[in-house]
PDB file of N, CA and C in Angstrom:
ATOM      1  N   UNK A   1     -49.069  41.960  11.827  1.00  0.00           N
ATOM      2  CA  UNK A   1     -49.817  41.267  10.701  1.00  0.00           C
ATOM      3  C   UNK A   1     -49.722  42.238   9.330  1.00  0.00           C
ATOM      4  N   UNK A   2     -49.490  41.593   8.293  1.00  0.00           N
ATOM      5  CA  UNK A   2     -49.217  42.402   7.117  1.00  0.00           C
ATOM      6  C   UNK A   2     -50.464  42.219   6.135  1.00  0.00           C
ATOM      7  N   UNK A   3     -51.036  43.284   5.745  1.00  0.00           N
ATOM      8  CA  UNK A   3     -52.117  43.205   4.745  1.00  0.00           C
ATOM      9  C   UNK A   3     -51.550  43.900   3.509  1.00  0.00           C
ATOM     10  N   UNK A   4     -51.505  43.136   2.486  1.00  0.00           N
ATOM     11  CA  UNK A   4     -50.966  43.460   1.160  1.00  0.00           C
ATOM     12  C   UNK A   4     -52.103  43.741   0.099  1.00  0.00           C
ATOM     13  N   UNK A   5     -52.158  44.886  -0.414  1.00  0.00           N
ATOM     14  CA  UNK A   5     -53.075  45.155  -1.526  1.00  0.00           C
ATOM     15  C   UNK A   5     -52.533  44.759  -2.790  1.00  0.00           C
ATOM     16  N   UNK A   6     -53.139  43.609  -3.343  1.00  0.00           N
ATOM     17  CA  UNK A   6     -52.558  42.944  -4.503  1.00  0.00           C
ATOM     18  C   UNK A   6     -53.539  43.329  -5.622  1.00  0.00           C
ATOM     19  N   UNK A   7     -52.785  43.901  -6.756  1.00  0.00           N
ATOM     20  CA  UNK A   7     -53.649  43.860  -8.001  1.00  0.00           C
ATOM     21  C   UNK A   7     -53.154  43.043  -9.071  1.00  0.00           C
ATOM     22  N   UNK A   8     -51.871  42.837  -9.191  1.00  0.00           N
ATOM     23  CA  UNK A   8     -51.257  41.914 -10.041  1.00  0.00           C
ATOM     24  C   UNK A   8     -50.838  40.420  -9.749  1.00  0.00           C
ATOM     25  N   UNK A   9     -50.693  40.109  -8.427  1.00  0.00           N
ATOM     26  CA  UNK A   9     -50.204  38.909  -8.000  1.00  0.00           C
ATOM     27  C   UNK A   9     -51.146  37.766  -8.266  1.00  0.00           C
ATOM     28  N   UNK A  10     -50.706  36.713  -8.828  1.00  0.00           N
ATOM     29  CA  UNK A  10     -51.506  35.542  -8.998  1.00  0.00           C
ATOM     30  C   UNK A  10     -51.913  35.002  -7.593  1.00  0.00           C
ATOM     31  N   UNK A  11     -53.121  34.421  -7.757  1.00  0.00           N
ATOM     32  CA  UNK A  11     -53.709  33.837  -6.344  1.00  0.00           C
ATOM     33  C   UNK A  11     -53.509  32.323  -6.403  1.00  0.00           C
ATOM     34  N   UNK A  12     -52.861  31.757  -5.447  1.00  0.00           N
ATOM     35  CA  UNK A  12     -52.726  30.458  -5.277  1.00  0.00           C
ATOM     36  C   UNK A  12     -53.999  29.768  -4.948  1.00  0.00           C
ATOM     37  N   UNK A  13     -53.942  28.318  -5.082  1.00  0.00           N
ATOM     38  CA  UNK A  13     -55.310  27.581  -4.652  1.00  0.00           C
ATOM     39  C   UNK A  13     -55.497  27.739  -3.167  1.00  0.00           C
ATOM     40  N   UNK A  14     -56.899  27.837  -2.808  1.00  0.00           N
ATOM     41  CA  UNK A  14     -57.152  27.919  -1.329  1.00  0.00           C
ATOM     42  C   UNK A  14     -57.264  26.423  -0.738  1.00  0.00           C
ATOM     43  N   UNK A  15     -57.198  26.425   0.566  1.00  0.00           N
ATOM     44  CA  UNK A  15     -57.554  25.224   1.301  1.00  0.00           C
ATOM     45  C   UNK A  15     -58.779  25.335   2.051  1.00  0.00           C
ATOM     46  N   UNK A  16     -59.165  24.171   2.523  1.00  0.00           N
ATOM     47  CA  UNK A  16     -60.463  24.117   3.372  1.00  0.00           C
ATOM     48  C   UNK A  16     -60.365  25.128   4.507  1.00  0.00           C
ATOM     49  N   UNK A  17     -59.351  25.091   5.315  1.00  0.00           N
ATOM     50  CA  UNK A  17     -59.013  25.802   6.292  1.00  0.00           C
ATOM     51  C   UNK A  17     -57.832  26.527   5.959  1.00  0.00           C
ATOM     52  N   UNK A  18     -57.754  27.796   5.556  1.00  0.00           N
ATOM     53  CA  UNK A  18     -56.631  28.468   4.895  1.00  0.00           C
ATOM     54  C   UNK A  18     -55.497  28.562   5.956  1.00  0.00           C
ATOM     55  N   UNK A  19     -54.243  27.991   5.524  1.00  0.00           N
ATOM     56  CA  UNK A  19     -53.080  28.123   6.280  1.00  0.00           C
ATOM     57  C   UNK A  19     -52.891  27.066   7.372  1.00  0.00           C
ATOM     58  N   UNK A  20     -53.951  26.112   7.632  1.00  0.00           N
ATOM     59  CA  UNK A  20     -53.793  25.297   8.639  1.00  0.00           C
ATOM     60  C   UNK A  20     -52.560  24.397   8.645  1.00  0.00           C
ATOM     61  N   UNK A  21     -52.336  23.870   7.415  1.00  0.00           N
ATOM     62  CA  UNK A  21     -51.092  22.875   7.399  1.00  0.00           C
ATOM     63  C   UNK A  21     -49.832  23.810   7.472  1.00  0.00           C
ATOM     64  N   UNK A  22     -49.613  24.948   6.922  1.00  0.00           N
ATOM     65  CA  UNK A  22     -48.662  25.830   6.967  1.00  0.00           C
ATOM     66  C   UNK A  22     -48.388  26.054   8.411  1.00  0.00           C
ATOM     67  N   UNK A  23     -49.308  26.452   9.127  1.00  0.00           N
ATOM     68  CA  UNK A  23     -49.217  26.858  10.553  1.00  0.00           C
ATOM     69  C   UNK A  23     -48.701  25.671  11.381  1.00  0.00           C
ATOM     70  N   UNK A  24     -49.070  24.440  11.212  1.00  0.00           N
ATOM     71  CA  UNK A  24     -48.680  23.276  11.825  1.00  0.00           C
ATOM     72  C   UNK A  24     -47.243  23.027  11.632  1.00  0.00           C
ATOM     73  N   UNK A  25     -46.725  23.402  10.441  1.00  0.00           N
ATOM     74  CA  UNK A  25     -45.250  23.145  10.001  1.00  0.00           C
ATOM     75  C   UNK A  25     -44.398  24.470  10.498  1.00  0.00           C
ATOM     76  N   UNK A  26     -45.020  25.394  11.179  1.00  0.00           N
ATOM     77  CA  UNK A  26     -44.249  26.447  11.452  1.00  0.00           C
ATOM     78  C   UNK A  26     -43.940  27.583  10.537  1.00  0.00           C
ATOM     79  N   UNK A  27     -44.680  27.339   9.272  1.00  0.00           N
ATOM     80  CA  UNK A  27     -44.451  28.179   8.097  1.00  0.00           C
ATOM     81  C   UNK A  27     -45.445  29.405   8.258  1.00  0.00           C
ATOM     82  N   UNK A  28     -45.181  30.648   7.684  1.00  0.00           N
ATOM     83  CA  UNK A  28     -46.183  31.672   7.757  1.00  0.00           C
ATOM     84  C   UNK A  28     -47.424  31.367   6.999  1.00  0.00           C
ATOM     85  N   UNK A  29     -48.568  31.825   7.598  1.00  0.00           N
ATOM     86  CA  UNK A  29     -49.899  31.587   7.074  1.00  0.00           C
ATOM     87  C   UNK A  29     -50.117  32.770   6.015  1.00  0.00           C
ATOM     88  N   UNK A  30     -50.667  32.333   4.955  1.00  0.00           N
ATOM     89  CA  UNK A  30     -51.084  33.484   4.012  1.00  0.00           C
ATOM     90  C   UNK A  30     -52.525  33.123   3.623  1.00  0.00           C
ATOM     91  N   UNK A  31     -53.327  34.224   3.629  1.00  0.00           N
ATOM     92  CA  UNK A  31     -54.733  34.103   3.029  1.00  0.00           C
ATOM     93  C   UNK A  31     -54.849  35.210   1.948  1.00  0.00           C
ATOM     94  N   UNK A  32     -55.801  34.824   1.126  1.00  0.00           N
ATOM     95  CA  UNK A  32     -56.038  35.795   0.047  1.00  0.00           C
ATOM     96  C   UNK A  32     -57.585  36.061   0.136  1.00  0.00           C
ATOM     97  N   UNK A  33     -57.847  37.441   0.231  1.00  0.00           N
ATOM     98  CA  UNK A  33     -59.102  37.942   0.483  1.00  0.00           C
ATOM     99  C   UNK A  33     -59.557  38.745  -0.677  1.00  0.00           C
ATOM    100  N   UNK A  34     -60.662  38.752  -1.209  1.00  0.00           N
ATOM    101  CA  UNK A  34     -61.162  39.573  -2.290  1.00  0.00           C
ATOM    102  C   UNK A  34     -62.364  40.516  -1.725  1.00  0.00           C
ATOM    103  N   UNK A  35     -62.243  41.679  -1.983  1.00  0.00           N
ATOM    104  CA  UNK A  35     -63.284  42.701  -1.836  1.00  0.00           C
ATOM    105  C   UNK A  35     -63.801  43.245  -2.913  1.00  0.00           C
ATOM    106  N   UNK A  36     -65.186  42.975  -3.279  1.00  0.00           N
ATOM    107  CA  UNK A  36     -66.036  43.615  -4.338  1.00  0.00           C
ATOM    108  C   UNK A  36     -66.633  44.870  -3.675  1.00  0.00           C
ATOM    109  N   UNK A  37     -65.988  46.020  -4.026  1.00  0.00           N
ATOM    110  CA  UNK A  37     -66.390  47.241  -3.131  1.00  0.00           C
ATOM    111  C   UNK A  37     -67.427  48.078  -4.061  1.00  0.00           C
ATOM    112  N   UNK A  38     -68.648  47.828  -3.786  1.00  0.00           N
ATOM    113  CA  UNK A  38     -69.665  48.590  -4.486  1.00  0.00           C
ATOM    114  C   UNK A  38     -70.225  49.920  -3.767  1.00  0.00           C
ATOM    115  N   UNK A  39     -69.421  50.250  -2.853  1.00  0.00           N
ATOM    116  CA  UNK A  39     -69.796  51.595  -1.977  1.00  0.00           C
ATOM    117  C   UNK A  39     -69.678  52.794  -2.725  1.00  0.00           C
ATOM    118  N   UNK A  40     -70.659  53.842  -2.537  1.00  0.00           N
ATOM    119  CA  UNK A  40     -70.492  55.167  -3.360  1.00  0.00           C
ATOM    120  C   UNK A  40     -69.118  55.675  -3.185  1.00  0.00           C
ATOM    121  N   UNK A  41     -68.867  56.525  -4.138  1.00  0.00           N
ATOM    122  CA  UNK A  41     -67.471  57.187  -4.120  1.00  0.00           C
ATOM    123  C   UNK A  41     -67.008  57.717  -2.753  1.00  0.00           C
ATOM    124  N   UNK A  42     -67.857  58.404  -2.160  1.00  0.00           N
ATOM    125  CA  UNK A  42     -67.489  59.050  -0.844  1.00  0.00           C
ATOM    126  C   UNK A  42     -66.960  57.982   0.203  1.00  0.00           C
ATOM    127  N   UNK A  43     -67.474  56.789   0.096  1.00  0.00           N
ATOM    128  CA  UNK A  43     -67.178  55.647   1.008  1.00  0.00           C
ATOM    129  C   UNK A  43     -66.129  54.579   0.343  1.00  0.00           C
ATOM    130  N   UNK A  44     -65.727  54.785  -0.782  1.00  0.00           N
ATOM    131  CA  UNK A  44     -64.876  53.978  -1.568  1.00  0.00           C
ATOM    132  C   UNK A  44     -63.576  53.579  -0.804  1.00  0.00           C
ATOM    133  N   UNK A  45     -62.674  54.564  -0.550  1.00  0.00           N
ATOM    134  CA  UNK A  45     -61.481  54.416   0.103  1.00  0.00           C
ATOM    135  C   UNK A  45     -61.632  54.171   1.570  1.00  0.00           C
ATOM    136  N   UNK A  46     -62.675  54.505   2.208  1.00  0.00           N
ATOM    137  CA  UNK A  46     -62.870  54.329   3.704  1.00  0.00           C
ATOM    138  C   UNK A  46     -63.246  52.833   3.753  1.00  0.00           C
ATOM    139  N   UNK A  47     -63.963  52.326   2.931  1.00  0.00           N
ATOM    140  CA  UNK A  47     -64.317  50.786   3.024  1.00  0.00           C
ATOM    141  C   UNK A  47     -63.194  50.095   2.817  1.00  0.00           C
ATOM    142  N   UNK A  48     -62.232  50.411   1.895  1.00  0.00           N
ATOM    143  CA  UNK A  48     -61.031  49.635   1.763  1.00  0.00           C
ATOM    144  C   UNK A  48     -60.327  49.636   3.064  1.00  0.00           C
ATOM    145  N   UNK A  49     -60.115  50.858   3.630  1.00  0.00           N
ATOM    146  CA  UNK A  49     -59.347  50.768   4.874  1.00  0.00           C
ATOM    147  C   UNK A  49     -59.999  50.161   5.986  1.00  0.00           C
ATOM    148  N   UNK A  50     -61.336  50.302   6.088  1.00  0.00           N
ATOM    149  CA  UNK A  50     -61.972  49.588   7.172  1.00  0.00           C
ATOM    150  C   UNK A  50     -61.927  48.065   7.053  1.00  0.00           C
ATOM    151  N   UNK A  51     -61.966  47.523   5.923  1.00  0.00           N
ATOM    152  CA  UNK A  51     -61.900  46.027   5.862  1.00  0.00           C
ATOM    153  C   UNK A  51     -60.335  45.715   6.013  1.00  0.00           C
ATOM    154  N   UNK A  52     -59.507  46.514   5.501  1.00  0.00           N
ATOM    155  CA  UNK A  52     -58.135  46.066   5.891  1.00  0.00           C
ATOM    156  C   UNK A  52     -57.805  46.115   7.327  1.00  0.00           C
ATOM    157  N   UNK A  53     -58.355  46.884   8.190  1.00  0.00           N
ATOM    158  CA  UNK A  53     -58.025  47.220   9.557  1.00  0.00           C
ATOM    159  C   UNK A  53     -58.824  45.921  10.221  1.00  0.00           C
ATOM    160  N   UNK A  54     -59.982  45.568   9.804  1.00  0.00           N
ATOM    161  CA  UNK A  54     -60.685  44.489  10.394  1.00  0.00           C
ATOM    162  C   UNK A  54     -60.037  43.100  10.105  1.00  0.00           C
ATOM    163  N   UNK A  55     -59.386  42.927   8.759  1.00  0.00           N
ATOM    164  CA  UNK A  55     -58.669  41.819   8.541  1.00  0.00           C
ATOM    165  C   UNK A  55     -57.454  41.762   9.407  1.00  0.00           C
ATOM    166  N   UNK A  56     -56.755  42.955   9.465  1.00  0.00           N
ATOM    167  CA  UNK A  56     -55.450  42.933  10.230  1.00  0.00           C
ATOM    168  C   UNK A  56     -55.722  42.558  11.651  1.00  0.00           C
ATOM    169  N   UNK A  57     -56.768  43.013  12.111  1.00  0.00           N
ATOM    170  CA  UNK A  57     -57.102  42.625  13.651  1.00  0.00           C
ATOM    171  C   UNK A  57     -57.485  41.229  13.826  1.00  0.00           C
ATOM    172  N   UNK A  58     -58.019  40.542  12.870  1.00  0.00           N
ATOM    173  CA  UNK A  58     -58.527  39.222  13.000  1.00  0.00           C
ATOM    174  C   UNK A  58     -57.572  38.204  12.538  1.00  0.00           C
ATOM    175  N   UNK A  59     -56.651  38.424  11.713  1.00  0.00           N
ATOM    176  CA  UNK A  59     -55.815  37.494  11.095  1.00  0.00           C
ATOM    177  C   UNK A  59     -54.534  37.249  11.929  1.00  0.00           C
ATOM    178  N   UNK A  60     -54.249  37.930  13.100  1.00  0.00           N
ATOM    179  CA  UNK A  60     -53.067  37.510  13.910  1.00  0.00           C
ATOM    180  C   UNK A  60     -51.903  37.665  13.034  1.00  0.00           C
ATOM    181  N   UNK A  61     -51.008  36.580  13.103  1.00  0.00           N
ATOM    182  CA  UNK A  61     -49.825  36.756  12.442  1.00  0.00           C
ATOM    183  C   UNK A  61     -49.836  36.272  10.922  1.00  0.00           C
ATOM    184  N   UNK A  62     -50.961  36.080  10.522  1.00  0.00           N
ATOM    185  CA  UNK A  62     -51.108  35.542   9.098  1.00  0.00           C
ATOM    186  C   UNK A  62     -50.858  36.842   8.073  1.00  0.00           C
ATOM    187  N   UNK A  63     -50.352  36.530   6.958  1.00  0.00           N
ATOM    188  CA  UNK A  63     -50.247  37.492   5.939  1.00  0.00           C
ATOM    189  C   UNK A  63     -51.474  37.548   5.005  1.00  0.00           C
ATOM    190  N   UNK A  64     -52.041  38.622   4.762  1.00  0.00           N
ATOM    191  CA  UNK A  64     -53.357  38.780   3.988  1.00  0.00           C
ATOM    192  C   UNK A  64     -52.928  39.516   2.689  1.00  0.00           C
ATOM    193  N   UNK A  65     -53.176  38.866   1.631  1.00  0.00           N
ATOM    194  CA  UNK A  65     -53.227  39.358   0.227  1.00  0.00           C
ATOM    195  C   UNK A  65     -54.762  39.789  -0.048  1.00  0.00           C
ATOM    196  N   UNK A  66     -54.755  41.226  -0.152  1.00  0.00           N
ATOM    197  CA  UNK A  66     -56.104  41.679  -0.323  1.00  0.00           C
ATOM    198  C   UNK A  66     -56.208  42.328  -1.670  1.00  0.00           C
ATOM    199  N   UNK A  67     -57.256  41.801  -2.502  1.00  0.00           N
ATOM    200  CA  UNK A  67     -57.544  42.136  -3.797  1.00  0.00           C
ATOM    201  C   UNK A  67     -58.872  42.910  -3.845  1.00  0.00           C
ATOM    202  N   UNK A  68     -58.785  43.982  -4.420  1.00  0.00           N
ATOM    203  CA  UNK A  68     -60.042  44.905  -4.574  1.00  0.00           C
ATOM    204  C   UNK A  68     -60.674  44.834  -6.001  1.00  0.00           C
ATOM    205  N   UNK A  69     -61.876  44.902  -6.093  1.00  0.00           N
ATOM    206  CA  UNK A  69     -62.672  44.773  -7.298  1.00  0.00           C
ATOM    207  C   UNK A  69     -63.946  45.666  -7.225  1.00  0.00           C
ATOM    208  N   UNK A  70     -64.550  46.127  -8.230  1.00  0.00           N
ATOM    209  CA  UNK A  70     -65.745  46.902  -8.316  1.00  0.00           C
ATOM    210  C   UNK A  70     -66.543  46.439  -9.506  1.00  0.00           C
ATOM    211  N   UNK A  71     -67.861  46.570  -9.265  1.00  0.00           N
ATOM    212  CA  UNK A  71     -68.729  46.308 -10.492  1.00  0.00           C
ATOM    213  C   UNK A  71     -68.730  47.486 -11.533  1.00  0.00           C
ATOM    214  N   UNK A  72     -68.602  47.268 -12.723  1.00  0.00           N
ATOM    215  CA  UNK A  72     -68.691  48.475 -13.669  1.00  0.00           C
ATOM    216  C   UNK A  72     -69.963  49.077 -13.806  1.00  0.00           C
ATOM    217  N   UNK A  73     -71.011  48.476 -13.237  1.00  0.00           N
ATOM    218  CA  UNK A  73     -72.333  49.104 -13.362  1.00  0.00           C
ATOM    219  C   UNK A  73     -72.515  50.131 -12.414  1.00  0.00           C
ATOM    220  N   UNK A  74     -71.617  50.168 -11.336  1.00  0.00           N
ATOM    221  CA  UNK A  74     -71.799  51.323 -10.382  1.00  0.00           C
ATOM    222  C   UNK A  74     -71.210  52.451 -10.837  1.00  0.00           C
ATOM    223  N   UNK A  75     -72.206  53.657 -10.993  1.00  0.00           N
ATOM    224  CA  UNK A  75     -71.679  54.828 -11.520  1.00  0.00           C
ATOM    225  C   UNK A  75     -70.565  55.554 -10.600  1.00  0.00           C
ATOM    226  N   UNK A  76     -69.543  56.065 -11.212  1.00  0.00           N
ATOM    227  CA  UNK A  76     -68.416  56.521 -10.538  1.00  0.00           C
ATOM    228  C   UNK A  76     -67.919  57.892 -11.039  1.00  0.00           C
ATOM    229  N   UNK A  77     -67.445  58.756 -10.150  1.00  0.00           N
ATOM    230  CA  UNK A  77     -66.820  60.047 -10.582  1.00  0.00           C
ATOM    231  C   UNK A  77     -65.473  59.791 -11.314  1.00  0.00           C
ATOM    232  N   UNK A  78     -65.018  60.743 -11.978  1.00  0.00           N
ATOM    233  CA  UNK A  78     -63.652  60.582 -12.572  1.00  0.00           C
ATOM    234  C   UNK A  78     -62.617  60.032 -11.673  1.00  0.00           C
ATOM    235  N   UNK A  79     -62.527  60.811 -10.556  1.00  0.00           N
ATOM    236  CA  UNK A  79     -61.615  60.558  -9.562  1.00  0.00           C
ATOM    237  C   UNK A  79     -61.746  59.073  -8.996  1.00  0.00           C
ATOM    238  N   UNK A  80     -62.931  58.570  -8.539  1.00  0.00           N
ATOM    239  CA  UNK A  80     -63.045  57.252  -8.183  1.00  0.00           C
ATOM    240  C   UNK A  80     -62.761  56.270  -9.257  1.00  0.00           C
ATOM    241  N   UNK A  81     -63.166  56.516 -10.538  1.00  0.00           N
ATOM    242  CA  UNK A  81     -62.674  55.573 -11.556  1.00  0.00           C
ATOM    243  C   UNK A  81     -61.188  55.593 -11.726  1.00  0.00           C
ATOM    244  N   UNK A  82     -60.551  56.563 -11.640  1.00  0.00           N
ATOM    245  CA  UNK A  82     -59.100  56.587 -11.772  1.00  0.00           C
ATOM    246  C   UNK A  82     -58.449  55.735 -10.690  1.00  0.00           C
ATOM    247  N   UNK A  83     -59.007  55.849  -9.380  1.00  0.00           N
ATOM    248  CA  UNK A  83     -58.628  55.166  -8.360  1.00  0.00           C
ATOM    249  C   UNK A  83     -58.842  53.678  -8.663  1.00  0.00           C
ATOM    250  N   UNK A  84     -60.022  53.319  -9.109  1.00  0.00           N
ATOM    251  CA  UNK A  84     -60.329  51.932  -9.325  1.00  0.00           C
ATOM    252  C   UNK A  84     -59.431  51.381 -10.375  1.00  0.00           C
ATOM    253  N   UNK A  85     -59.285  52.151 -11.558  1.00  0.00           N
ATOM    254  CA  UNK A  85     -58.353  51.578 -12.628  1.00  0.00           C
ATOM    255  C   UNK A  85     -56.887  51.357 -12.250  1.00  0.00           C
ATOM    256  N   UNK A  86     -56.484  52.240 -11.168  1.00  0.00           N
ATOM    257  CA  UNK A  86     -55.096  52.124 -10.710  1.00  0.00           C
ATOM    258  C   UNK A  86     -54.934  50.833  -9.686  1.00  0.00           C
ATOM    259  N   UNK A  87     -55.840  50.849  -8.653  1.00  0.00           N
ATOM    260  CA  UNK A  87     -55.636  50.017  -7.535  1.00  0.00           C
ATOM    261  C   UNK A  87     -56.571  48.620  -7.699  1.00  0.00           C
ATOM    262  N   UNK A  88     -57.622  48.673  -8.358  1.00  0.00           N
ATOM    263  CA  UNK A  88     -58.378  47.436  -8.402  1.00  0.00           C
ATOM    264  C   UNK A  88     -58.291  46.510  -9.588  1.00  0.00           C
ATOM    265  N   UNK A  89     -58.513  45.156  -9.364  1.00  0.00           N
ATOM    266  CA  UNK A  89     -58.321  44.149 -10.508  1.00  0.00           C
ATOM    267  C   UNK A  89     -59.499  44.153 -11.300  1.00  0.00           C
ATOM    268  N   UNK A  90     -59.543  43.522 -12.407  1.00  0.00           N
ATOM    269  CA  UNK A  90     -60.727  43.422 -13.402  1.00  0.00           C
ATOM    270  C   UNK A  90     -61.770  42.489 -12.707  1.00  0.00           C
ATOM    271  N   UNK A  91     -62.974  42.908 -12.575  1.00  0.00           N
ATOM    272  CA  UNK A  91     -63.951  41.881 -12.008  1.00  0.00           C
ATOM    273  C   UNK A  91     -64.161  40.742 -12.802  1.00  0.00           C
ATOM    274  N   UNK A  92     -63.823  40.777 -14.047  1.00  0.00           N
ATOM    275  CA  UNK A  92     -63.966  39.510 -14.919  1.00  0.00           C
ATOM    276  C   UNK A  92     -63.077  38.496 -14.503  1.00  0.00           C
ATOM    277  N   UNK A  93     -61.944  38.751 -13.825  1.00  0.00           N
ATOM    278  CA  UNK A  93     -61.038  37.769 -13.405  1.00  0.00           C
ATOM    279  C   UNK A  93     -61.340  37.068 -12.166  1.00  0.00           C
ATOM    280  N   UNK A  94     -62.402  37.638 -11.377  1.00  0.00           N
ATOM    281  CA  UNK A  94     -62.745  37.121 -10.152  1.00  0.00           C
ATOM    282  C   UNK A  94     -63.046  35.543 -10.161  1.00  0.00           C
ATOM    283  N   UNK A  95     -63.704  35.323 -11.249  1.00  0.00           N
ATOM    284  CA  UNK A  95     -64.323  33.857 -11.186  1.00  0.00           C
ATOM    285  C   UNK A  95     -63.148  32.739 -11.518  1.00  0.00           C
ATOM    286  N   UNK A  96     -61.991  33.449 -11.978  1.00  0.00           N
ATOM    287  CA  UNK A  96     -60.742  32.410 -12.312  1.00  0.00           C
ATOM    288  C   UNK A  96     -59.925  32.461 -11.122  1.00  0.00           C
ATOM    289  N   UNK A  97     -59.969  33.335 -10.074  1.00  0.00           N
ATOM    290  CA  UNK A  97     -58.985  33.440  -9.076  1.00  0.00           C
ATOM    291  C   UNK A  97     -59.523  32.441  -8.034  1.00  0.00           C
ATOM    292  N   UNK A  98     -58.445  32.077  -7.290  1.00  0.00           N
ATOM    293  CA  UNK A  98     -58.614  31.019  -6.098  1.00  0.00           C
ATOM    294  C   UNK A  98     -58.365  31.907  -4.882  1.00  0.00           C
ATOM    295  N   UNK A  99     -59.514  32.141  -4.136  1.00  0.00           N
ATOM    296  CA  UNK A  99     -59.417  32.998  -3.034  1.00  0.00           C
ATOM    297  C   UNK A  99     -59.835  32.218  -1.762  1.00  0.00           C
ATOM    298  N   UNK A 100     -59.443  32.845  -0.587  1.00  0.00           N
ATOM    299  CA  UNK A 100     -59.732  32.020   0.827  1.00  0.00           C
ATOM    300  C   UNK A 100     -61.204  32.812   1.246  1.00  0.00           C
ATOM    301  N   UNK A 101     -61.331  33.947   0.857  1.00  0.00           N
ATOM    302  CA  UNK A 101     -62.521  34.582   1.345  1.00  0.00           C
ATOM    303  C   UNK A 101     -62.998  35.817   0.464  1.00  0.00           C
ATOM    304  N   UNK A 102     -64.244  36.042   0.432  1.00  0.00           N
ATOM    305  CA  UNK A 102     -64.925  37.080  -0.522  1.00  0.00           C
ATOM    306  C   UNK A 102     -65.787  37.939   0.338  1.00  0.00           C
ATOM    307  N   UNK A 103     -65.559  39.156   0.240  1.00  0.00           N
ATOM    308  CA  UNK A 103     -66.294  40.297   0.963  1.00  0.00           C
ATOM    309  C   UNK A 103     -66.994  41.155  -0.248  1.00  0.00           C
ATOM    310  N   UNK A 104     -68.313  41.200  -0.143  1.00  0.00           N
ATOM    311  CA  UNK A 104     -69.067  42.000  -1.160  1.00  0.00           C
ATOM    312  C   UNK A 104     -69.781  43.056  -0.424  1.00  0.00           C
ATOM    313  N   UNK A 105     -69.469  44.274  -0.698  1.00  0.00           N
ATOM    314  CA  UNK A 105     -70.209  45.457  -0.125  1.00  0.00           C
ATOM    315  C   UNK A 105     -71.480  45.846  -0.990  1.00  0.00           C
ATOM    316  N   UNK A 106     -72.470  46.612  -0.375  1.00  0.00           N
ATOM    317  CA  UNK A 106     -73.551  46.929  -1.177  1.00  0.00           C
ATOM    318  C   UNK A 106     -73.341  48.550  -1.544  1.00  0.00           C
ATOM    319  N   UNK A 107     -74.166  48.937  -2.375  1.00  0.00           N
ATOM    320  CA  UNK A 107     -74.220  50.278  -2.889  1.00  0.00           C
ATOM    321  C   UNK A 107     -75.636  50.889  -2.429  1.00  0.00           C
ATOM    322  N   UNK A 108     -75.656  52.258  -2.403  1.00  0.00           N
ATOM    323  CA  UNK A 108     -76.964  52.864  -2.106  1.00  0.00           C
ATOM    324  C   UNK A 108     -78.007  52.498  -3.130  1.00  0.00           C
ATOM    325  N   UNK A 109     -79.178  52.397  -2.854  1.00  0.00           N
ATOM    326  CA  UNK A 109     -80.194  52.091  -3.892  1.00  0.00           C
ATOM    327  C   UNK A 109     -80.198  53.238  -4.829  1.00  0.00           C
ATOM    328  N   UNK A 110     -80.311  52.928  -6.094  1.00  0.00           N
ATOM    329  CA  UNK A 110     -80.509  53.859  -7.314  1.00  0.00           C
ATOM    330  C   UNK A 110     -82.120  54.093  -7.541  1.00  0.00           C
ATOM    331  N   UNK A 111     -82.697  53.022  -7.352  1.00  0.00           N
ATOM    332  CA  UNK A 111     -84.294  53.020  -7.769  1.00  0.00           C
ATOM    333  C   UNK A 111     -85.087  53.063  -6.584  1.00  0.00           C
ATOM    334  N   UNK A 112     -86.518  53.364  -6.807  1.00  0.00           N
ATOM    335  CA  UNK A 112     -87.289  53.532  -5.681  1.00  0.00           C
ATOM    336  C   UNK A 112     -87.842  52.157  -5.225  1.00  0.00           C
ATOM    337  N   UNK A 113     -87.846  51.231  -6.213  1.00  0.00           N
ATOM    338  CA  UNK A 113     -88.295  49.928  -5.929  1.00  0.00           C
ATOM    339  C   UNK A 113     -87.292  48.759  -6.603  1.00  0.00           C
ATOM    340  N   UNK A 114     -87.139  47.633  -5.976  1.00  0.00           N
ATOM    341  CA  UNK A 114     -86.154  46.736  -6.420  1.00  0.00           C
ATOM    342  C   UNK A 114     -86.206  46.424  -7.897  1.00  0.00           C
ATOM    343  N   UNK A 115     -87.153  46.230  -8.627  1.00  0.00           N
ATOM    344  CA  UNK A 115     -87.151  46.156 -10.105  1.00  0.00           C
ATOM    345  C   UNK A 115     -86.522  47.280 -10.851  1.00  0.00           C
ATOM    346  N   UNK A 116     -86.484  48.535 -10.235  1.00  0.00           N
ATOM    347  CA  UNK A 116     -85.880  49.498 -10.864  1.00  0.00           C
ATOM    348  C   UNK A 116     -84.369  49.788 -10.662  1.00  0.00           C
ATOM    349  N   UNK A 117     -83.821  48.800  -9.920  1.00  0.00           N
ATOM    350  CA  UNK A 117     -82.350  48.788  -9.686  1.00  0.00           C
ATOM    351  C   UNK A 117     -81.655  48.214 -10.929  1.00  0.00           C
ATOM    352  N   UNK A 118     -80.506  48.798 -11.182  1.00  0.00           N
ATOM    353  CA  UNK A 118     -79.624  48.324 -12.282  1.00  0.00           C
ATOM    354  C   UNK A 118     -78.743  47.269 -11.758  1.00  0.00           C
ATOM    355  N   UNK A 119     -78.486  46.498 -12.533  1.00  0.00           N
ATOM    356  CA  UNK A 119     -77.587  45.328 -12.268  1.00  0.00           C
ATOM    357  C   UNK A 119     -76.026  45.389 -12.845  1.00  0.00           C
TER     358      UNK A 119
END
């Protein structure tokens, strides 16, 4: 199984059951999965690897195009910001993309109570 980290590739329209028609015709199945990774800097790359491994194990022979995004409101170190700028797509594009699945991770709470959290 191949997992491709795609930042630039256009995403084709999804189907209700991804790849079902292609599989029936003997064509390779392709899935497009987006990850909105809001984990803290120390877990940023590990989270990418973990979800890539999980997708790889679950997708069988399907090819997975894996797109990463992050919310700009999550505070980042210079190194994490450089990684995100290089490897992640612009979160503003997410609404225009056609994806087969979306994974959203959480971040550590910043405030003591929910109303103190930044969005």
